[in-house]
Amino acid sequence: MNLRKSLFLFSLLFLGTILIDLPLSEWIDQNSTKILRSSCRSISFLISPLLHLVLWPLLLFTLWKIKSVRNSLLLINFNILATNTLVTFLKYIIGRPRPKLFCSEGIYFPSFFCLDSNFQSFPSRHAATIATLFGFFAMRYPKQVPYLIGTLFFTTMVRVGLNSHFLSDVVAGNILGFSVAVVAHWLYTQFFLEKIHET
């Protein structure tokens, strides 16, 4: 990609952030209802990274003896672990404040290498975790990709509804998680699938 295209994409991202992220988070802060927040919290729990970091290893341990399931569960666990590791590094490096902090104190600019959880908005860990899981299923069931992406977008938007993340945080988390799943699937098919079938 040449420099002109890179600058154009960066400018588009910056304008999108200013034109969509900030007004949307202010609107949600002012108009969010108790019912909406309660519904969003319930869905947010289902896509919680901690839940998936516990659930999938337990499934792997429980179903270890079933070889066909074992390989899929190993890949899912790798995807979730790799995604969460990458997200953790990005959150600490970028240090983007959460929308709640923007709405209450007007703080929007990043605080690089910050350990405070109020400055760990970008990218969304919930979105990245569920996106890597949906990405795994998209690689396995390509005809279902439109449904998976639609469901992914709906489920991860609850983080915006809770004003825990800006829209761009969720979109970036979705792209990151899906990308990890695609790369992991490619590595699996290129290097491990043949060895597994040989044994």
C-alpha atoms as a PDB file:
ATOM      1  CA  MET A   1       0.000   0.000   0.000  1.00  0.00           C
ATOM      2  CA  ASN A   2       1.457   3.342  -0.944  1.00  0.00           C
ATOM      3  CA  LEU A   3       1.750   6.350   1.329  1.00  0.00           C
ATOM      4  CA  ARG A   4      -1.179   8.210  -0.260  1.00  0.00           C
ATOM      5  CA  LYS A   5      -3.587   5.326   0.373  1.00  0.00           C
ATOM      6  CA  SER A   6      -2.307   4.920   3.914  1.00  0.00           C
ATOM      7  CA  LEU A   7      -2.835   8.610   4.674  1.00  0.00           C
ATOM      8  CA  PHE A   8      -6.315   8.464   3.147  1.00  0.00           C
ATOM      9  CA  LEU A   9      -7.293   5.447   5.291  1.00  0.00           C
ATOM     10  CA  PHE A  10      -5.831   7.062   8.409  1.00  0.00           C
ATOM     11  CA  SER A  11      -7.753  10.284   7.680  1.00  0.00           C
ATOM     12  CA  LEU A  12     -10.951   8.321   7.096  1.00  0.00           C
ATOM     13  CA  LEU A  13     -10.476   6.487  10.396  1.00  0.00           C
ATOM     14  CA  PHE A  14      -9.777   9.735  12.240  1.00  0.00           C
ATOM     15  CA  LEU A  15     -12.822  11.482  10.756  1.00  0.00           C
ATOM     16  CA  GLY A  16     -15.002   8.451  11.485  1.00  0.00           C
ATOM     17  CA  THR A  17     -13.862   8.555  15.065  1.00  0.00           C
ATOM     18  CA  ILE A  18     -14.645  12.246  15.461  1.00  0.00           C
ATOM     19  CA  LEU A  19     -17.922  12.139  13.509  1.00  0.00           C
ATOM     20  CA  ILE A  20     -19.334   8.876  14.896  1.00  0.00           C
ATOM     21  CA  ASP A  21     -17.589   7.708  18.080  1.00  0.00           C
ATOM     22  CA  LEU A  22     -17.893  10.847  20.165  1.00  0.00           C
ATOM     23  CA  PRO A  23     -21.482  11.847  19.293  1.00  0.00           C
ATOM     24  CA  LEU A  24     -22.678   8.244  19.618  1.00  0.00           C
ATOM     25  CA  SER A  25     -21.136   7.791  23.068  1.00  0.00           C
ATOM     26  CA  GLU A  26     -22.578  11.115  24.245  1.00  0.00           C
ATOM     27  CA  TRP A  27     -26.015  10.153  22.912  1.00  0.00           C
ATOM     28  CA  ILE A  28     -25.859   6.751  24.645  1.00  0.00           C
ATOM     29  CA  ASP A  29     -24.725   8.404  27.883  1.00  0.00           C
ATOM     30  CA  GLN A  30     -27.705  10.777  27.815  1.00  0.00           C
ATOM     31  CA  ASN A  31     -30.399   8.413  26.486  1.00  0.00           C
ATOM     32  CA  SER A  32     -29.568   4.971  27.854  1.00  0.00           C
ATOM     33  CA  THR A  33     -32.394   3.354  29.803  1.00  0.00           C
ATOM     34  CA  LYS A  34     -32.212   0.890  32.663  1.00  0.00           C
ATOM     35  CA  ILE A  35     -33.812  -1.827  30.503  1.00  0.00           C
ATOM     36  CA  LEU A  36     -31.293  -1.285  27.701  1.00  0.00           C
ATOM     37  CA  ARG A  37     -28.346  -1.428  30.114  1.00  0.00           C
ATOM     38  CA  SER A  38     -29.724  -4.571  31.767  1.00  0.00           C
ATOM     39  CA  SER A  39     -30.207  -6.316  28.408  1.00  0.00           C
ATOM     40  CA  CYS A  40     -26.748  -5.266  27.250  1.00  0.00           C
ATOM     41  CA  ARG A  41     -25.158  -6.557  30.470  1.00  0.00           C
ATOM     42  CA  SER A  42     -26.786  -9.972  29.994  1.00  0.00           C
ATOM     43  CA  ILE A  43     -25.479 -10.324  26.444  1.00  0.00           C
ATOM     44  CA  SER A  44     -22.130  -8.880  27.486  1.00  0.00           C
ATOM     45  CA  PHE A  45     -21.748 -11.659  30.045  1.00  0.00           C
ATOM     46  CA  LEU A  46     -22.279 -14.281  27.330  1.00  0.00           C
ATOM     47  CA  ILE A  47     -19.453 -12.819  25.234  1.00  0.00           C
ATOM     48  CA  SER A  48     -17.201 -12.205  28.232  1.00  0.00           C
ATOM     49  CA  PRO A  49     -13.549 -13.136  27.572  1.00  0.00           C
ATOM     50  CA  LEU A  50     -13.221 -14.645  31.051  1.00  0.00           C
ATOM     51  CA  LEU A  51     -16.168 -16.959  30.387  1.00  0.00           C
ATOM     52  CA  HIS A  52     -14.605 -18.174  27.144  1.00  0.00           C
ATOM     53  CA  LEU A  53     -11.117 -18.451  28.648  1.00  0.00           C
ATOM     54  CA  VAL A  54     -12.618 -20.875  31.187  1.00  0.00           C
ATOM     55  CA  LEU A  55     -15.331 -22.601  29.126  1.00  0.00           C
ATOM     56  CA  TRP A  56     -13.297 -23.753  26.115  1.00  0.00           C
ATOM     57  CA  PRO A  57     -10.391 -25.282  28.103  1.00  0.00           C
ATOM     58  CA  LEU A  58     -12.969 -27.140  30.210  1.00  0.00           C
ATOM     59  CA  LEU A  59     -14.584 -28.479  27.047  1.00  0.00           C
ATOM     60  CA  LEU A  60     -11.156 -29.496  25.749  1.00  0.00           C
ATOM     61  CA  PHE A  61     -10.347 -31.301  28.989  1.00  0.00           C
ATOM     62  CA  THR A  62     -13.752 -33.020  29.057  1.00  0.00           C
ATOM     63  CA  LEU A  63     -13.717 -34.117  25.404  1.00  0.00           C
ATOM     64  CA  TRP A  64      -9.987 -34.821  25.033  1.00  0.00           C
ATOM     65  CA  LYS A  65     -10.462 -38.482  24.059  1.00  0.00           C
ATOM     66  CA  ILE A  66     -12.610 -37.645  21.022  1.00  0.00           C
ATOM     67  CA  LYS A  67      -9.899 -36.988  18.430  1.00  0.00           C
ATOM     68  CA  SER A  68     -12.056 -35.147  15.869  1.00  0.00           C
ATOM     69  CA  VAL A  69     -13.360 -32.748  18.504  1.00  0.00           C
ATOM     70  CA  ARG A  70      -9.960 -32.389  20.204  1.00  0.00           C
ATOM     71  CA  ASN A  71      -8.306 -30.778  17.183  1.00  0.00           C
ATOM     72  CA  SER A  72     -11.092 -28.226  16.778  1.00  0.00           C
ATOM     73  CA  LEU A  73     -11.076 -27.405  20.488  1.00  0.00           C
ATOM     74  CA  LEU A  74      -7.288 -27.007  20.456  1.00  0.00           C
ATOM     75  CA  LEU A  75      -7.611 -24.512  17.620  1.00  0.00           C
ATOM     76  CA  ILE A  76     -10.425 -22.616  19.363  1.00  0.00           C
ATOM     77  CA  ASN A  77      -8.379 -22.414  22.572  1.00  0.00           C
ATOM     78  CA  PHE A  78      -5.339 -21.213  20.646  1.00  0.00           C
ATOM     79  CA  ASN A  79      -7.433 -18.548  18.887  1.00  0.00           C
ATOM     80  CA  ILE A  80      -8.922 -17.250  22.125  1.00  0.00           C
ATOM     81  CA  LEU A  81      -5.595 -17.220  23.949  1.00  0.00           C
ATOM     82  CA  ALA A  82      -3.718 -15.558  21.061  1.00  0.00           C
ATOM     83  CA  THR A  83      -6.436 -12.960  20.599  1.00  0.00           C
ATOM     84  CA  ASN A  84      -6.571 -12.056  24.291  1.00  0.00           C
ATOM     85  CA  THR A  85      -2.790 -11.819  24.501  1.00  0.00           C
ATOM     86  CA  LEU A  86      -2.680  -9.492  21.500  1.00  0.00           C
ATOM     87  CA  VAL A  87      -5.556  -7.383  22.827  1.00  0.00           C
ATOM     88  CA  THR A  88      -3.856  -7.033  26.216  1.00  0.00           C
ATOM     89  CA  PHE A  89      -0.687  -5.666  24.621  1.00  0.00           C
ATOM     90  CA  LEU A  90      -2.646  -3.256  22.425  1.00  0.00           C
ATOM     91  CA  LYS A  91      -4.772  -1.992  25.315  1.00  0.00           C
ATOM     92  CA  TYR A  92      -1.719  -1.164  27.434  1.00  0.00           C
ATOM     93  CA  ILE A  93       0.226   0.368  24.568  1.00  0.00           C
ATOM     94  CA  ILE A  94      -2.582   2.521  23.141  1.00  0.00           C
ATOM     95  CA  GLY A  95      -4.270   3.551  26.402  1.00  0.00           C
ATOM     96  CA  ARG A  96      -7.475   4.910  24.883  1.00  0.00           C
ATOM     97  CA  PRO A  97      -9.939   6.244  27.476  1.00  0.00           C
ATOM     98  CA  ARG A  98     -13.336   4.627  27.763  1.00  0.00           C
ATOM     99  CA  PRO A  99     -16.471   6.498  26.633  1.00  0.00           C
ATOM    100  CA  LYS A 100     -17.628   6.862  30.231  1.00  0.00           C
ATOM    101  CA  LEU A 101     -14.454   8.835  30.958  1.00  0.00           C
ATOM    102  CA  PHE A 102     -14.999  10.946  27.857  1.00  0.00           C
ATOM    103  CA  CYS A 103     -18.615  11.694  28.826  1.00  0.00           C
ATOM    104  CA  SER A 104     -17.884  12.476  32.470  1.00  0.00           C
ATOM    105  CA  GLU A 105     -14.533  14.295  32.234  1.00  0.00           C
ATOM    106  CA  GLY A 106     -14.051  15.075  28.539  1.00  0.00           C
ATOM    107  CA  ILE A 107     -10.885  12.965  28.301  1.00  0.00           C
ATOM    108  CA  TYR A 108     -10.508  11.477  24.836  1.00  0.00           C
ATOM    109  CA  PHE A 109      -6.848  11.392  23.877  1.00  0.00           C
ATOM    110  CA  PRO A 110      -4.808   8.255  24.602  1.00  0.00           C
ATOM    111  CA  SER A 111      -2.501   7.838  27.569  1.00  0.00           C
ATOM    112  CA  PHE A 112       0.113   5.528  26.096  1.00  0.00           C
ATOM    113  CA  PHE A 113       1.393   2.617  28.226  1.00  0.00           C
ATOM    114  CA  CYS A 114      -1.256   3.230  30.880  1.00  0.00           C
ATOM    115  CA  LEU A 115      -2.253   0.427  33.271  1.00  0.00           C
ATOM    116  CA  ASP A 116      -5.488   2.091  34.443  1.00  0.00           C
ATOM    117  CA  SER A 117      -8.536   0.143  33.213  1.00  0.00           C
ATOM    118  CA  ASN A 118     -10.270   3.435  32.380  1.00  0.00           C
ATOM    119  CA  PHE A 119      -7.686   3.797  29.606  1.00  0.00           C
ATOM    120  CA  GLN A 120      -8.137   0.352  28.052  1.00  0.00           C
ATOM    121  CA  SER A 121     -10.945   0.919  25.614  1.00  0.00           C
ATOM    122  CA  PHE A 122      -9.153   0.040  22.362  1.00  0.00           C
ATOM    123  CA  PRO A 123      -9.675  -2.628  21.090  1.00  0.00           C
ATOM    124  CA  SER A 124     -12.668  -4.279  22.696  1.00  0.00           C
ATOM    125  CA  ARG A 125     -11.622  -7.558  24.325  1.00  0.00           C
ATOM    126  CA  HIS A 126     -15.206  -8.834  24.324  1.00  0.00           C
ATOM    127  CA  ALA A 127     -15.526  -8.150  20.584  1.00  0.00           C
ATOM    128  CA  ALA A 128     -12.144  -9.668  19.742  1.00  0.00           C
ATOM    129  CA  THR A 129     -12.812 -12.816  21.779  1.00  0.00           C
ATOM    130  CA  ILE A 130     -16.192 -13.536  20.269  1.00  0.00           C
ATOM    131  CA  ALA A 131     -14.958 -12.547  16.785  1.00  0.00           C
ATOM    132  CA  THR A 132     -12.152 -15.100  16.927  1.00  0.00           C
ATOM    133  CA  LEU A 133     -14.689 -17.744  17.927  1.00  0.00           C
ATOM    134  CA  PHE A 134     -17.049 -16.739  15.114  1.00  0.00           C
ATOM    135  CA  GLY A 135     -14.039 -16.602  12.773  1.00  0.00           C
ATOM    136  CA  PHE A 136     -13.255 -20.213  13.621  1.00  0.00           C
ATOM    137  CA  PHE A 137     -16.805 -21.233  12.727  1.00  0.00           C
ATOM    138  CA  ALA A 138     -16.696 -19.100   9.564  1.00  0.00           C
ATOM    139  CA  MET A 139     -13.615 -21.029   8.397  1.00  0.00           C
ATOM    140  CA  ARG A 140     -15.398 -24.315   9.084  1.00  0.00           C
ATOM    141  CA  TYR A 141     -18.777 -23.310   7.633  1.00  0.00           C
ATOM    142  CA  PRO A 142     -18.155 -20.731   4.869  1.00  0.00           C
ATOM    143  CA  LYS A 143     -21.790 -20.644   3.722  1.00  0.00           C
ATOM    144  CA  GLN A 144     -22.795 -19.330   7.155  1.00  0.00           C
ATOM    145  CA  VAL A 145     -20.436 -16.308   7.057  1.00  0.00           C
ATOM    146  CA  PRO A 146     -23.168 -13.669   6.467  1.00  0.00           C
ATOM    147  CA  TYR A 147     -25.164 -14.961   9.452  1.00  0.00           C
ATOM    148  CA  LEU A 148     -22.072 -15.201  11.615  1.00  0.00           C
ATOM    149  CA  ILE A 149     -20.982 -11.653  10.780  1.00  0.00           C
ATOM    150  CA  GLY A 150     -24.489 -10.307  11.409  1.00  0.00           C
ATOM    151  CA  THR A 151     -24.717 -12.089  14.747  1.00  0.00           C
ATOM    152  CA  LEU A 152     -21.185 -10.972  15.625  1.00  0.00           C
ATOM    153  CA  PHE A 153     -22.010  -7.339  14.908  1.00  0.00           C
ATOM    154  CA  PHE A 154     -25.226  -7.484  16.962  1.00  0.00           C
ATOM    155  CA  THR A 155     -23.667  -9.228  19.960  1.00  0.00           C
ATOM    156  CA  THR A 156     -20.601  -7.004  20.115  1.00  0.00           C
ATOM    157  CA  MET A 157     -22.628  -3.792  19.774  1.00  0.00           C
ATOM    158  CA  VAL A 158     -23.825  -4.330  23.346  1.00  0.00           C
ATOM    159  CA  ARG A 159     -20.430  -3.030  24.466  1.00  0.00           C
ATOM    160  CA  VAL A 160     -21.265   0.245  22.728  1.00  0.00           C
ATOM    161  CA  GLY A 161     -24.750   0.153  24.290  1.00  0.00           C
ATOM    162  CA  LEU A 162     -23.160  -0.097  27.737  1.00  0.00           C
ATOM    163  CA  ASN A 163     -20.893   2.838  26.837  1.00  0.00           C
ATOM    164  CA  SER A 164     -17.920   0.642  27.726  1.00  0.00           C
ATOM    165  CA  HIS A 165     -16.423   1.078  24.247  1.00  0.00           C
ATOM    166  CA  PHE A 166     -16.544   3.417  21.309  1.00  0.00           C
ATOM    167  CA  LEU A 167     -17.902   1.980  18.069  1.00  0.00           C
ATOM    168  CA  SER A 168     -14.398   1.969  16.569  1.00  0.00           C
ATOM    169  CA  ASP A 169     -13.119  -0.112  19.521  1.00  0.00           C
ATOM    170  CA  VAL A 170     -15.712  -2.785  18.788  1.00  0.00           C
ATOM    171  CA  VAL A 171     -15.086  -2.742  15.037  1.00  0.00           C
ATOM    172  CA  ALA A 172     -11.331  -3.014  15.617  1.00  0.00           C
ATOM    173  CA  GLY A 173     -11.885  -5.870  18.084  1.00  0.00           C
ATOM    174  CA  ASN A 174     -14.041  -7.687  15.534  1.00  0.00           C
ATOM    175  CA  ILE A 175     -11.432  -7.261  12.801  1.00  0.00           C
ATOM    176  CA  LEU A 176      -8.604  -8.316  15.109  1.00  0.00           C
ATOM    177  CA  GLY A 177     -10.373 -11.421  16.412  1.00  0.00           C
ATOM    178  CA  PHE A 178     -11.534 -12.505  12.975  1.00  0.00           C
ATOM    179  CA  SER A 179      -8.018 -11.964  11.583  1.00  0.00           C
ATOM    180  CA  VAL A 180      -6.461 -14.134  14.287  1.00  0.00           C
ATOM    181  CA  ALA A 181      -8.945 -16.897  13.424  1.00  0.00           C
ATOM    182  CA  VAL A 182      -8.119 -16.660   9.707  1.00  0.00           C
ATOM    183  CA  VAL A 183      -4.352 -16.755  10.311  1.00  0.00           C
ATOM    184  CA  ALA A 184      -4.673 -19.616  12.807  1.00  0.00           C
ATOM    185  CA  HIS A 185      -6.831 -21.573  10.360  1.00  0.00           C
ATOM    186  CA  TRP A 186      -4.286 -21.017   7.590  1.00  0.00           C
ATOM    187  CA  LEU A 187      -1.405 -22.134   9.847  1.00  0.00           C
ATOM    188  CA  TYR A 188      -3.408 -25.163  10.925  1.00  0.00           C
ATOM    189  CA  THR A 189      -4.193 -26.251   7.365  1.00  0.00           C
ATOM    190  CA  GLN A 190      -0.661 -25.550   6.104  1.00  0.00           C
ATOM    191  CA  PHE A 191       1.426 -27.095   8.855  1.00  0.00           C
ATOM    192  CA  PHE A 192      -0.625 -29.271  11.191  1.00  0.00           C
ATOM    193  CA  LEU A 193      -3.466 -30.836   9.234  1.00  0.00           C
ATOM    194  CA  GLU A 194      -1.195 -33.109   7.183  1.00  0.00           C
ATOM    195  CA  LYS A 195       0.701 -34.290  10.272  1.00  0.00           C
ATOM    196  CA  ILE A 196      -2.530 -35.043  12.102  1.00  0.00           C
ATOM    197  CA  HIS A 197      -3.828 -37.171   9.212  1.00  0.00           C
ATOM    198  CA  GLU A 198      -0.494 -39.045   8.989  1.00  0.00           C
ATOM    199  CA  THR A 199      -0.732 -40.256  12.603  1.00  0.00           C
END
